[in-house]
């Protein structure tokens, strides 16, 4: 799939939610002219679930693996993870060892690892990350980041369940919606259905 260049817009008319890339002249559900008519609510641009990992500080980043030819989040391809520095450098493990990428993570899913109010931790983040990436294996001391924030450490399963899976579900829904709009021009759903 090519880059998602268009914004997805949601508008409401005739008790339907209509998703599209631009406001149509006529309602795809009832056929009424939309120009000059009142919509139940103003069209809203839906935020993309993707972010530029090089502009996301102190985050776990998830992207399609490099062996995924089109770098798609298609639900079947392997995913690759990295951790961003405060300057947008992405540390990630590959078969050849730790990489420090300055590009290649422009379209990924981001999970913040440091609360914005933890300035003292952000000041030391790059040092922690550098030290961690030079170690031969996963260092349990890394969990001390959570302790600094006053939180207990999380198991891999708990982290995946609480932080990664909700974002990946959103990616899946957004991608499916986007592809449908590319093929059909619109996606129409009852107004109450979308609220659930």
Protein backbone atom coordinates (compact mmCIF):
# COMPACT_ATOMS: atom_id res chain seq x y z
CA UNK A 1 0.00 0.00 0.00
CA UNK A 2 1.27 3.44 -0.81
CA UNK A 3 1.76 6.13 1.80
CA UNK A 4 -1.42 7.41 3.38
CA UNK A 5 -1.32 10.89 1.91
CA UNK A 6 -4.96 11.80 2.41
CA UNK A 7 -6.66 12.73 5.66
CA UNK A 8 -9.76 10.75 6.58
CA UNK A 9 -12.72 13.02 7.23
CA UNK A 10 -15.86 12.09 9.17
CA UNK A 11 -19.07 14.02 8.61
CA UNK A 12 -22.62 13.39 9.77
CA UNK A 13 -25.73 13.67 7.63
CA UNK A 14 -29.12 11.94 7.57
CA UNK A 15 -28.27 10.08 10.80
CA UNK A 16 -25.24 8.51 9.14
CA UNK A 17 -21.52 8.94 9.71
CA UNK A 18 -19.75 9.28 6.40
CA UNK A 19 -16.00 8.73 6.13
CA UNK A 20 -14.19 10.08 3.06
CA UNK A 21 -11.13 12.00 1.92
CA UNK A 22 -13.02 15.18 0.97
CA UNK A 23 -16.56 16.48 1.57
CA UNK A 24 -18.72 15.31 -1.35
CA UNK A 25 -21.22 17.51 -3.19
CA UNK A 26 -24.03 15.05 -2.43
CA UNK A 27 -24.62 12.78 0.54
CA UNK A 28 -23.67 9.23 -0.52
CA UNK A 29 -26.47 7.88 1.70
CA UNK A 30 -29.53 10.03 0.88
CA UNK A 31 -28.39 11.90 -2.24
CA UNK A 32 -29.15 15.37 -0.84
CA UNK A 33 -26.86 18.19 -1.89
CA UNK A 34 -24.40 18.94 0.92
CA UNK A 35 -23.12 22.28 -0.32
CA UNK A 36 -25.07 24.98 1.51
CA UNK A 37 -26.94 22.44 3.63
CA UNK A 38 -26.45 22.01 7.34
CA UNK A 39 -24.56 19.00 8.47
CA UNK A 40 -25.42 17.68 11.94
CA UNK A 41 -21.85 18.38 12.97
CA UNK A 42 -18.84 19.92 11.30
CA UNK A 43 -16.59 17.57 9.34
CA UNK A 44 -13.74 16.30 11.49
CA UNK A 45 -10.36 15.05 10.34
CA UNK A 46 -9.48 11.76 12.04
CA UNK A 47 -5.95 11.64 13.45
CA UNK A 48 -3.67 9.10 11.84
CA UNK A 49 -2.38 6.36 14.16
CA UNK A 50 1.05 6.72 12.54
CA UNK A 51 3.83 9.00 13.64
CA UNK A 52 7.32 9.92 12.53
CA UNK A 53 9.54 8.04 14.96
CA UNK A 54 12.40 10.47 14.37
CA UNK A 55 10.22 13.23 15.81
CA UNK A 56 9.00 11.17 18.78
CA UNK A 57 11.29 11.39 21.81
CA UNK A 58 11.62 8.61 24.37
CA UNK A 59 9.19 6.20 22.71
CA UNK A 60 8.93 2.55 21.83
CA UNK A 61 8.41 2.47 18.07
CA UNK A 62 6.74 -0.30 16.07
CA UNK A 63 7.16 -0.52 12.30
CA UNK A 64 6.89 -3.21 9.65
CA UNK A 65 10.09 -5.26 9.49
CA UNK A 66 12.69 -4.30 6.92
CA UNK A 67 12.03 -7.54 5.01
CA UNK A 68 8.43 -6.38 4.43
CA UNK A 69 8.75 -5.21 0.82
CA UNK A 70 6.14 -2.43 1.04
CA UNK A 71 6.67 -1.64 4.76
CA UNK A 72 2.93 -2.22 5.34
CA UNK A 73 1.00 -2.76 8.53
CA UNK A 74 -1.02 -5.50 6.84
CA UNK A 75 -1.65 -7.75 9.84
CA UNK A 76 0.42 -10.62 8.43
CA UNK A 77 3.94 -9.21 8.21
CA UNK A 78 6.56 -9.23 10.93
CA UNK A 79 6.96 -6.09 12.97
CA UNK A 80 10.16 -4.49 14.20
CA UNK A 81 10.64 -2.39 17.32
CA UNK A 82 12.98 0.40 18.23
CA UNK A 83 13.42 3.00 20.96
CA UNK A 84 13.84 6.68 20.14
CA UNK A 85 16.33 9.00 21.75
CA UNK A 86 15.51 12.59 22.67
CA UNK A 87 17.04 13.64 19.34
CA UNK A 88 15.13 11.22 17.08
CA UNK A 89 17.82 8.57 16.76
CA UNK A 90 16.15 5.14 16.74
CA UNK A 91 17.96 2.28 18.49
CA UNK A 92 16.89 -1.15 17.29
CA UNK A 93 18.20 -4.69 17.31
CA UNK A 94 18.77 -6.59 14.10
CA UNK A 95 20.49 -9.88 13.33
CA UNK A 96 23.73 -7.97 12.94
CA UNK A 97 23.40 -6.19 16.30
CA UNK A 98 22.23 -2.80 17.50
CA UNK A 99 21.50 -0.19 14.86
CA UNK A 100 21.12 3.53 15.40
CA UNK A 101 18.90 4.75 12.56
CA UNK A 102 18.52 8.39 11.56
CA UNK A 103 15.94 7.47 8.92
CA UNK A 104 13.55 4.64 8.10
CA UNK A 105 11.12 5.13 11.00
CA UNK A 106 9.01 7.89 9.44
CA UNK A 107 5.78 5.84 9.51
CA UNK A 108 5.41 3.86 12.69
CA UNK A 109 3.33 3.40 15.82
CA UNK A 110 4.63 5.19 18.90
CA UNK A 111 4.27 4.23 22.57
CA UNK A 112 5.59 6.95 24.93
CA UNK A 113 7.90 5.50 27.57
CA UNK A 114 8.52 8.62 29.68
CA UNK A 115 5.87 10.92 31.08
CA UNK A 116 6.24 14.53 29.90
CA UNK A 117 6.65 15.76 33.49
CA UNK A 118 9.74 13.60 34.08
CA UNK A 119 12.26 16.21 32.90
CA UNK A 120 15.11 14.82 34.99
CA UNK A 121 14.68 11.40 33.38
CA UNK A 122 14.55 12.89 29.89
CA UNK A 123 17.87 14.61 30.57
CA UNK A 124 19.45 11.20 31.20
CA UNK A 125 17.45 9.25 28.62
CA UNK A 126 20.11 9.24 25.91
CA UNK A 127 22.76 8.08 28.39
CA UNK A 128 20.51 5.23 29.56
CA UNK A 129 19.74 4.29 25.98
CA UNK A 130 23.39 4.36 24.91
CA UNK A 131 24.46 2.23 27.86
CA UNK A 132 21.59 -0.19 27.38
CA UNK A 133 22.29 -0.63 23.66
CA UNK A 134 25.96 -1.42 24.29
CA UNK A 135 25.14 -4.27 26.68
CA UNK A 136 25.24 -7.87 25.45
CA UNK A 137 21.67 -8.67 26.52
CA UNK A 138 18.50 -7.25 28.07
CA UNK A 139 19.55 -5.54 31.25
CA UNK A 140 17.10 -5.80 34.18
CA UNK A 141 18.45 -2.44 35.37
CA UNK A 142 16.47 -0.92 32.46
CA UNK A 143 13.36 -1.41 34.61
CA UNK A 144 14.81 1.25 36.90
CA UNK A 145 13.31 3.83 34.51
CA UNK A 146 9.89 2.80 35.79
CA UNK A 147 11.08 3.03 39.37
CA UNK A 148 12.29 6.59 38.79
CA UNK A 149 8.76 7.41 37.64
CA UNK A 150 7.34 5.81 40.78
CA UNK A 151 5.84 2.85 38.90
CA UNK A 152 6.48 -0.85 39.28
CA UNK A 153 7.95 -2.80 36.39
CA UNK A 154 5.65 -4.43 33.85
CA UNK A 155 5.89 -7.89 32.41
CA UNK A 156 6.27 -8.13 28.64
CA UNK A 157 2.71 -9.50 28.41
CA UNK A 158 1.24 -6.68 30.52
CA UNK A 159 3.08 -4.03 28.48
CA UNK A 160 1.90 -5.61 25.23
CA UNK A 161 -1.70 -5.90 26.44
CA UNK A 162 -1.93 -2.39 27.93
CA UNK A 163 0.10 -0.31 25.47
CA UNK A 164 0.79 -2.09 22.19
CA UNK A 165 -2.38 -4.02 21.38
CA UNK A 166 -4.76 -1.01 21.69
CA UNK A 167 -2.57 0.97 19.27
CA UNK A 168 -2.30 -1.94 16.84
CA UNK A 169 -6.10 -2.38 16.87
CA UNK A 170 -6.42 1.31 16.00
CA UNK A 171 -3.90 0.88 13.16
CA UNK A 172 -5.86 -2.09 11.83
CA UNK A 173 -9.19 -0.23 11.91
CA UNK A 174 -7.71 2.93 10.39
CA UNK A 175 -5.92 1.01 7.62
CA UNK A 176 -9.05 -1.00 6.77
CA UNK A 177 -11.13 2.21 6.68
CA UNK A 178 -8.53 3.98 4.54
CA UNK A 179 -8.35 1.12 2.03
CA UNK A 180 -12.16 0.96 1.81
CA UNK A 181 -12.35 4.70 1.07
CA UNK A 182 -9.63 4.31 -1.59
CA UNK A 183 -11.70 1.62 -3.31
CA UNK A 184 -15.26 2.94 -2.77
CA UNK A 185 -14.78 6.69 -2.17
CA UNK A 186 -16.92 6.57 1.01
CA UNK A 187 -17.64 4.47 4.05
CA UNK A 188 -21.12 5.01 5.49
CA UNK A 189 -22.32 3.71 8.85
CA UNK A 190 -25.35 4.42 11.03
CA UNK A 191 -24.59 7.29 13.42
CA UNK A 192 -25.31 5.20 16.52
CA UNK A 193 -23.17 2.25 15.32
CA UNK A 194 -20.03 4.39 15.15
CA UNK A 195 -20.46 5.61 18.73
CA UNK A 196 -20.05 2.09 20.18
